């Protein structure tokens, strides 16, 4: 996930229901933003999921730059 943006972190969770991913960024003062959560069905993250994360990260940067 390093190629998606600075400070983006991925949490991987596996339980009896399957595997899941949570992608978040915590580089802003006193704020943690969850960008995307999704069930993981294959080893590789789909291009569609990556594009959603990128788009949300860019929107977040715009919001933070306005502050």
N, C-alpha and C. Protein backbone atom coordinates (compact mmCIF):
# COMPACT_ATOMS: atom_id res chain seq x y z
N UNK A 1 0.82 -1.20 0.00
CA UNK A 1 0.00 0.00 0.00
C UNK A 1 0.86 1.26 0.00
N UNK A 2 2.16 1.13 0.06
CA UNK A 2 3.02 2.30 0.12
C UNK A 2 2.89 3.20 -1.09
N UNK A 3 2.56 2.64 -2.23
CA UNK A 3 2.47 3.44 -3.45
C UNK A 3 1.18 4.25 -3.53
N UNK A 4 0.30 4.14 -2.56
CA UNK A 4 -0.97 4.87 -2.60
C UNK A 4 -0.86 6.27 -2.03
N UNK A 5 0.06 6.49 -1.13
CA UNK A 5 0.22 7.80 -0.52
C UNK A 5 0.98 7.72 0.78
N UNK A 6 1.54 8.85 1.16
CA UNK A 6 2.34 8.92 2.38
C UNK A 6 1.46 8.73 3.62
N UNK A 7 1.85 7.81 4.47
CA UNK A 7 1.14 7.62 5.73
C UNK A 7 -0.03 6.66 5.68
N UNK A 8 -0.30 6.07 4.53
CA UNK A 8 -1.41 5.11 4.44
C UNK A 8 -0.97 3.78 5.04
N UNK A 9 -1.82 3.25 5.90
CA UNK A 9 -1.52 2.01 6.62
C UNK A 9 -2.64 1.01 6.38
N UNK A 10 -2.27 -0.25 6.26
CA UNK A 10 -3.25 -1.32 6.03
C UNK A 10 -3.24 -2.27 7.23
N UNK A 11 -4.43 -2.60 7.71
CA UNK A 11 -4.59 -3.61 8.76
C UNK A 11 -5.24 -4.82 8.11
N UNK A 12 -4.66 -5.97 8.34
CA UNK A 12 -5.21 -7.23 7.81
C UNK A 12 -5.79 -8.02 8.97
N UNK A 13 -6.99 -8.52 8.77
CA UNK A 13 -7.67 -9.30 9.81
C UNK A 13 -8.25 -10.56 9.19
N UNK A 14 -8.04 -11.67 9.85
CA UNK A 14 -8.61 -12.94 9.39
C UNK A 14 -9.35 -13.57 10.55
N UNK A 15 -10.57 -14.04 10.27
CA UNK A 15 -11.33 -14.77 11.27
C UNK A 15 -12.16 -15.84 10.57
N UNK A 16 -13.10 -16.43 11.28
CA UNK A 16 -13.89 -17.52 10.70
C UNK A 16 -14.78 -17.06 9.54
N UNK A 17 -14.99 -15.76 9.40
CA UNK A 17 -15.79 -15.22 8.29
C UNK A 17 -14.97 -14.92 7.05
N UNK A 18 -13.65 -15.00 7.15
CA UNK A 18 -12.79 -14.71 6.02
C UNK A 18 -11.72 -13.69 6.37
N UNK A 19 -11.14 -13.11 5.32
CA UNK A 19 -10.09 -12.11 5.51
C UNK A 19 -10.63 -10.73 5.14
N UNK A 20 -10.18 -9.73 5.88
CA UNK A 20 -10.65 -8.36 5.67
C UNK A 20 -9.47 -7.41 5.72
N UNK A 21 -9.63 -6.26 5.06
CA UNK A 21 -8.62 -5.21 5.07
C UNK A 21 -9.26 -3.90 5.50
N UNK A 22 -8.52 -3.13 6.26
CA UNK A 22 -8.93 -1.78 6.64
C UNK A 22 -7.75 -0.88 6.28
N UNK A 23 -8.01 0.16 5.50
CA UNK A 23 -6.95 1.06 5.07
C UNK A 23 -7.22 2.42 5.68
N UNK A 24 -6.21 2.98 6.36
CA UNK A 24 -6.42 4.27 7.02
C UNK A 24 -5.16 5.13 6.92
N UNK A 25 -5.34 6.39 7.23
CA UNK A 25 -4.21 7.32 7.29
C UNK A 25 -4.29 8.05 8.62
N UNK A 26 -3.15 8.17 9.30
CA UNK A 26 -3.14 8.78 10.63
C UNK A 26 -2.08 9.87 10.73
N UNK A 27 -1.81 10.55 9.63
CA UNK A 27 -0.73 11.54 9.67
C UNK A 27 -1.21 12.94 9.99
N UNK A 28 -2.48 13.12 10.19
CA UNK A 28 -3.02 14.44 10.49
C UNK A 28 -3.19 14.58 12.00
N UNK A 29 -2.89 15.74 12.51
CA UNK A 29 -2.92 15.98 13.95
C UNK A 29 -4.27 15.62 14.56
N UNK A 30 -4.24 14.74 15.53
CA UNK A 30 -5.42 14.35 16.32
C UNK A 30 -6.55 13.74 15.49
N UNK A 31 -6.26 13.27 14.29
CA UNK A 31 -7.31 12.68 13.47
C UNK A 31 -6.80 11.40 12.80
N UNK A 32 -7.66 10.42 12.77
CA UNK A 32 -7.41 9.19 12.02
C UNK A 32 -8.58 9.04 11.06
N UNK A 33 -8.28 8.88 9.79
CA UNK A 33 -9.32 8.71 8.78
C UNK A 33 -9.29 7.29 8.25
N UNK A 34 -10.41 6.63 8.28
CA UNK A 34 -10.54 5.32 7.65
C UNK A 34 -10.93 5.58 6.20
N UNK A 35 -10.07 5.16 5.29
CA UNK A 35 -10.31 5.40 3.87
C UNK A 35 -11.21 4.33 3.25
N UNK A 36 -11.04 3.08 3.70
CA UNK A 36 -11.76 2.00 3.02
C UNK A 36 -11.63 0.71 3.84
N UNK A 37 -12.69 -0.06 3.89
CA UNK A 37 -12.64 -1.41 4.45
C UNK A 37 -13.28 -2.35 3.43
N UNK A 38 -12.75 -3.55 3.32
CA UNK A 38 -13.28 -4.47 2.32
C UNK A 38 -12.89 -5.90 2.64
N UNK A 39 -13.75 -6.85 2.23
CA UNK A 39 -13.38 -8.26 2.39
C UNK A 39 -12.31 -8.62 1.37
N UNK A 40 -11.39 -9.44 1.77
CA UNK A 40 -10.28 -9.84 0.91
C UNK A 40 -10.52 -11.24 0.42
N UNK A 41 -10.66 -11.40 -0.89
CA UNK A 41 -10.97 -12.72 -1.46
C UNK A 41 -9.80 -13.30 -2.25
N UNK A 42 -8.85 -12.45 -2.63
CA UNK A 42 -7.67 -12.91 -3.36
C UNK A 42 -6.43 -12.33 -2.70
N UNK A 43 -5.26 -12.84 -3.07
CA UNK A 43 -4.01 -12.35 -2.49
C UNK A 43 -3.72 -10.92 -2.92
N UNK A 44 -4.07 -10.58 -4.15
CA UNK A 44 -3.78 -9.26 -4.70
C UNK A 44 -4.99 -8.34 -4.53
N UNK A 45 -4.74 -7.09 -4.13
CA UNK A 45 -5.82 -6.10 -4.01
C UNK A 45 -6.24 -5.67 -5.41
N UNK A 46 -7.54 -5.66 -5.66
CA UNK A 46 -8.04 -5.36 -6.99
C UNK A 46 -7.78 -3.91 -7.37
N UNK A 47 -7.70 -3.65 -8.66
CA UNK A 47 -7.51 -2.30 -9.17
C UNK A 47 -8.66 -1.40 -8.76
N UNK A 48 -9.86 -1.93 -8.74
CA UNK A 48 -11.03 -1.15 -8.31
C UNK A 48 -10.87 -0.70 -6.86
N UNK A 49 -10.46 -1.59 -5.98
CA UNK A 49 -10.24 -1.23 -4.57
C UNK A 49 -9.13 -0.19 -4.44
N UNK A 50 -8.04 -0.37 -5.17
CA UNK A 50 -6.93 0.58 -5.12
C UNK A 50 -7.37 1.96 -5.60
N UNK A 51 -8.18 2.01 -6.65
CA UNK A 51 -8.65 3.30 -7.16
C UNK A 51 -9.55 4.01 -6.16
N UNK A 52 -10.38 3.26 -5.46
CA UNK A 52 -11.24 3.85 -4.42
C UNK A 52 -10.38 4.47 -3.32
N UNK A 53 -9.36 3.74 -2.89
CA UNK A 53 -8.48 4.25 -1.84
C UNK A 53 -7.76 5.51 -2.31
N UNK A 54 -7.23 5.49 -3.52
CA UNK A 54 -6.52 6.67 -4.05
C UNK A 54 -7.43 7.88 -4.13
N UNK A 55 -8.64 7.68 -4.63
CA UNK A 55 -9.59 8.78 -4.79
C UNK A 55 -9.96 9.38 -3.43
N UNK A 56 -10.20 8.53 -2.46
CA UNK A 56 -10.57 9.02 -1.12
C UNK A 56 -9.39 9.73 -0.45
N UNK A 57 -8.19 9.22 -0.68
CA UNK A 57 -7.00 9.86 -0.11
C UNK A 57 -6.80 11.25 -0.71
N UNK A 58 -6.97 11.37 -2.02
CA UNK A 58 -6.83 12.68 -2.66
C UNK A 58 -7.88 13.66 -2.16
N UNK A 59 -9.11 13.20 -1.98
CA UNK A 59 -10.17 14.06 -1.44
C UNK A 59 -9.83 14.50 -0.02
N UNK A 60 -9.28 13.60 0.76
CA UNK A 60 -8.88 13.92 2.13
C UNK A 60 -7.77 14.98 2.14
N UNK A 61 -6.80 14.85 1.25
CA UNK A 61 -5.73 15.84 1.17
C UNK A 61 -6.28 17.22 0.84
N UNK A 62 -7.24 17.28 -0.06
CA UNK A 62 -7.86 18.56 -0.41
C UNK A 62 -8.56 19.18 0.80
N UNK A 63 -9.29 18.37 1.54
CA UNK A 63 -9.99 18.86 2.73
C UNK A 63 -8.99 19.36 3.77
N UNK A 64 -7.94 18.59 4.00
CA UNK A 64 -6.94 18.98 4.99
C UNK A 64 -6.18 20.24 4.58
N UNK A 65 -5.95 20.43 3.30
CA UNK A 65 -5.25 21.62 2.83
C UNK A 65 -6.09 22.88 2.97
N UNK A 66 -7.41 22.73 3.03
CA UNK A 66 -8.30 23.87 3.21
C UNK A 66 -8.36 24.32 4.66
N UNK A 67 -7.93 23.49 5.58
CA UNK A 67 -7.99 23.83 7.02
C UNK A 67 -6.96 24.86 7.39
